[in-house]
Amino acid sequence: MEEQEQIQEQPTNQKFDWKAILSPKWVVRNIPFFLFLGVLAVLYIYNGHYADKLSRKISATEKHISELEHEYKTIKSEVIFRSKASELAKAVEPLGLKELTAPPILLGGDTTAVAK
């Protein structure tokens, strides 16, 4: 018991031994750790480049979507304008077609078909 107490009572303010850390033996022992740090650095750089590339791609896609949205709205308004009755009458007038002013004539005299 006395030995354990003596070991615990020893001062812990020992100086750090830089010579032991910078020795070739220590460097060789820690090569796997240095390789791990290198892999982490490469992954970190790759992740940054990938994020930049993805950001540029998202920006280009948003711009393309905006252009398509404007084109859609333009075409939609054009279709709505051309589907008006007055515009349709103007469009088919050169073909000799005119708007009906009288109701259509029933052929055959069967009025039951109209009631359905």
C-alpha atoms as a PDB file:
ATOM      1  CA  MET A   1       0.000   0.000   0.000  1.00  0.00           C
ATOM      2  CA  GLU A   2       2.794   2.382   0.764  1.00  0.00           C
ATOM      3  CA  GLU A   3       4.253   1.886  -2.694  1.00  0.00           C
ATOM      4  CA  GLN A   4       0.947   2.832  -4.327  1.00  0.00           C
ATOM      5  CA  GLU A   5       0.712   5.966  -2.222  1.00  0.00           C
ATOM      6  CA  GLN A   6       4.259   6.951  -3.145  1.00  0.00           C
ATOM      7  CA  ILE A   7       3.509   6.476  -6.861  1.00  0.00           C
ATOM      8  CA  GLN A   8       0.400   8.633  -6.596  1.00  0.00           C
ATOM      9  CA  GLU A   9       2.220  11.359  -4.673  1.00  0.00           C
ATOM     10  CA  GLN A  10       4.902  11.831  -7.316  1.00  0.00           C
ATOM     11  CA  PRO A  11       4.667  15.224  -9.043  1.00  0.00           C
ATOM     12  CA  THR A  12       3.026  15.230 -12.488  1.00  0.00           C
ATOM     13  CA  ASN A  13       4.636  18.413 -13.786  1.00  0.00           C
ATOM     14  CA  GLN A  14       7.228  16.630 -15.905  1.00  0.00           C
ATOM     15  CA  LYS A  15       8.538  18.417 -18.993  1.00  0.00           C
ATOM     16  CA  PHE A  16       7.472  17.267 -22.429  1.00  0.00           C
ATOM     17  CA  ASP A  17      10.233  15.367 -24.256  1.00  0.00           C
ATOM     18  CA  TRP A  18      10.403  16.798 -27.801  1.00  0.00           C
ATOM     19  CA  LYS A  19      13.415  14.694 -28.715  1.00  0.00           C
ATOM     20  CA  ALA A  20      11.399  11.493 -28.261  1.00  0.00           C
ATOM     21  CA  ILE A  21       8.597  12.818 -30.480  1.00  0.00           C
ATOM     22  CA  LEU A  22      10.861  13.931 -33.309  1.00  0.00           C
ATOM     23  CA  SER A  23      12.787  10.678 -33.396  1.00  0.00           C
ATOM     24  CA  PRO A  24      12.507   8.536 -36.541  1.00  0.00           C
ATOM     25  CA  LYS A  25      11.127   5.663 -34.490  1.00  0.00           C
ATOM     26  CA  TRP A  26       8.152   7.770 -33.382  1.00  0.00           C
ATOM     27  CA  VAL A  27       7.510   8.973 -36.944  1.00  0.00           C
ATOM     28  CA  VAL A  28       7.549   5.420 -38.315  1.00  0.00           C
ATOM     29  CA  ARG A  29       5.196   4.241 -35.573  1.00  0.00           C
ATOM     30  CA  ASN A  30       2.708   6.964 -36.478  1.00  0.00           C
ATOM     31  CA  ILE A  31       2.709   6.577 -40.287  1.00  0.00           C
ATOM     32  CA  PRO A  32      -0.835   5.098 -40.289  1.00  0.00           C
ATOM     33  CA  PHE A  33      -2.079   8.140 -38.393  1.00  0.00           C
ATOM     34  CA  PHE A  34      -0.377  10.508 -40.860  1.00  0.00           C
ATOM     35  CA  LEU A  35      -1.923   8.576 -43.755  1.00  0.00           C
ATOM     36  CA  PHE A  36      -5.316   8.873 -42.073  1.00  0.00           C
ATOM     37  CA  LEU A  37      -4.836  12.641 -41.726  1.00  0.00           C
ATOM     38  CA  GLY A  38      -3.837  12.832 -45.399  1.00  0.00           C
ATOM     39  CA  VAL A  39      -6.963  10.951 -46.464  1.00  0.00           C
ATOM     40  CA  LEU A  40      -9.097  13.266 -44.338  1.00  0.00           C
ATOM     41  CA  ALA A  41      -7.465  16.310 -45.955  1.00  0.00           C
ATOM     42  CA  VAL A  42      -8.103  14.944 -49.456  1.00  0.00           C
ATOM     43  CA  LEU A  43     -11.746  14.195 -48.574  1.00  0.00           C
ATOM     44  CA  TYR A  44     -12.165  17.679 -47.131  1.00  0.00           C
ATOM     45  CA  ILE A  45     -10.796  19.305 -50.307  1.00  0.00           C
ATOM     46  CA  TYR A  46     -12.915  17.022 -52.519  1.00  0.00           C
ATOM     47  CA  ASN A  47     -16.031  17.886 -50.518  1.00  0.00           C
ATOM     48  CA  GLY A  48     -15.376  21.610 -51.009  1.00  0.00           C
ATOM     49  CA  HIS A  49     -14.955  21.214 -54.762  1.00  0.00           C
ATOM     50  CA  TYR A  50     -18.041  19.007 -54.975  1.00  0.00           C
ATOM     51  CA  ALA A  51     -20.116  21.568 -53.060  1.00  0.00           C
ATOM     52  CA  ASP A  52     -18.967  24.368 -55.403  1.00  0.00           C
ATOM     53  CA  LYS A  53     -19.784  22.277 -58.466  1.00  0.00           C
ATOM     54  CA  LEU A  54     -23.199  21.344 -57.081  1.00  0.00           C
ATOM     55  CA  SER A  55     -23.925  24.981 -56.246  1.00  0.00           C
ATOM     56  CA  ARG A  56     -23.110  26.062 -59.820  1.00  0.00           C
ATOM     57  CA  LYS A  57     -25.267  23.271 -61.212  1.00  0.00           C
ATOM     58  CA  ILE A  58     -28.215  24.250 -58.991  1.00  0.00           C
ATOM     59  CA  SER A  59     -27.863  27.881 -60.051  1.00  0.00           C
ATOM     60  CA  ALA A  60     -27.853  26.949 -63.750  1.00  0.00           C
ATOM     61  CA  THR A  61     -30.889  24.705 -63.262  1.00  0.00           C
ATOM     62  CA  GLU A  62     -32.792  27.459 -61.452  1.00  0.00           C
ATOM     63  CA  LYS A  63     -32.019  29.862 -64.311  1.00  0.00           C
ATOM     64  CA  HIS A  64     -33.207  27.305 -66.874  1.00  0.00           C
ATOM     65  CA  ILE A  65     -36.412  26.680 -64.902  1.00  0.00           C
ATOM     66  CA  SER A  66     -37.055  30.420 -64.732  1.00  0.00           C
ATOM     67  CA  GLU A  67     -36.648  30.732 -68.512  1.00  0.00           C
ATOM     68  CA  LEU A  68     -39.012  27.799 -69.090  1.00  0.00           C
ATOM     69  CA  GLU A  69     -41.552  29.321 -66.691  1.00  0.00           C
ATOM     70  CA  HIS A  70     -41.521  32.611 -68.616  1.00  0.00           C
ATOM     71  CA  GLU A  71     -41.893  30.737 -71.913  1.00  0.00           C
ATOM     72  CA  TYR A  72     -44.817  28.737 -70.487  1.00  0.00           C
ATOM     73  CA  LYS A  73     -46.620  31.879 -69.331  1.00  0.00           C
ATOM     74  CA  THR A  74     -46.106  33.569 -72.710  1.00  0.00           C
ATOM     75  CA  ILE A  75     -47.430  30.583 -74.666  1.00  0.00           C
ATOM     76  CA  LYS A  76     -50.348  30.131 -72.274  1.00  0.00           C
ATOM     77  CA  SER A  77     -51.448  33.751 -72.639  1.00  0.00           C
ATOM     78  CA  GLU A  78     -51.093  33.469 -76.432  1.00  0.00           C
ATOM     79  CA  VAL A  79     -53.259  30.326 -76.506  1.00  0.00           C
ATOM     80  CA  ILE A  80     -55.904  31.950 -74.313  1.00  0.00           C
ATOM     81  CA  PHE A  81     -55.925  35.028 -76.569  1.00  0.00           C
ATOM     82  CA  ARG A  82     -56.225  32.945 -79.768  1.00  0.00           C
ATOM     83  CA  SER A  83     -59.014  30.763 -78.351  1.00  0.00           C
ATOM     84  CA  LYS A  84     -61.394  33.695 -77.934  1.00  0.00           C
ATOM     85  CA  ALA A  85     -64.423  33.518 -80.227  1.00  0.00           C
ATOM     86  CA  SER A  86     -63.611  36.792 -81.972  1.00  0.00           C
ATOM     87  CA  GLU A  87     -60.004  35.720 -82.658  1.00  0.00           C
ATOM     88  CA  LEU A  88     -61.159  32.318 -83.947  1.00  0.00           C
ATOM     89  CA  ALA A  89     -63.599  34.027 -86.322  1.00  0.00           C
ATOM     90  CA  LYS A  90     -60.793  36.228 -87.660  1.00  0.00           C
ATOM     91  CA  ALA A  91     -58.491  33.199 -88.091  1.00  0.00           C
ATOM     92  CA  VAL A  92     -61.014  31.073 -90.092  1.00  0.00           C
ATOM     93  CA  GLU A  93     -62.431  33.938 -92.206  1.00  0.00           C
ATOM     94  CA  PRO A  94     -59.835  33.484 -95.029  1.00  0.00           C
ATOM     95  CA  LEU A  95     -60.964  29.829 -95.294  1.00  0.00           C
ATOM     96  CA  GLY A  96     -64.537  30.930 -96.034  1.00  0.00           C
ATOM     97  CA  LEU A  97     -65.924  29.823 -92.679  1.00  0.00           C
ATOM     98  CA  LYS A  98     -68.344  32.089 -90.857  1.00  0.00           C
ATOM     99  CA  GLU A  99     -69.895  32.059 -87.415  1.00  0.00           C
ATOM    100  CA  LEU A 100     -73.390  30.563 -87.249  1.00  0.00           C
ATOM    101  CA  THR A 101     -76.140  33.113 -86.679  1.00  0.00           C
ATOM    102  CA  ALA A 102     -79.033  30.589 -86.716  1.00  0.00           C
ATOM    103  CA  PRO A 103     -79.344  27.398 -84.688  1.00  0.00           C
ATOM    104  CA  PRO A 104     -78.340  24.177 -86.452  1.00  0.00           C
ATOM    105  CA  ILE A 105     -80.968  22.299 -88.496  1.00  0.00           C
ATOM    106  CA  LEU A 106     -81.945  18.804 -87.368  1.00  0.00           C
ATOM    107  CA  LEU A 107     -82.028  16.179 -90.091  1.00  0.00           C
ATOM    108  CA  GLY A 108     -84.446  13.308 -90.068  1.00  0.00           C
ATOM    109  CA  GLY A 109     -86.990  14.888 -87.733  1.00  0.00           C
ATOM    110  CA  ASP A 110     -86.018  12.697 -84.726  1.00  0.00           C
ATOM    111  CA  THR A 111     -86.339  15.040 -81.746  1.00  0.00           C
ATOM    112  CA  THR A 112     -85.733  12.361 -79.101  1.00  0.00           C
ATOM    113  CA  ALA A 113     -81.992  12.345 -79.863  1.00  0.00           C
ATOM    114  CA  VAL A 114     -81.779  16.018 -79.011  1.00  0.00           C
ATOM    115  CA  ALA A 115     -83.523  15.581 -75.668  1.00  0.00           C
ATOM    116  CA  LYS A 116     -80.918  13.148 -74.446  1.00  0.00           C
END
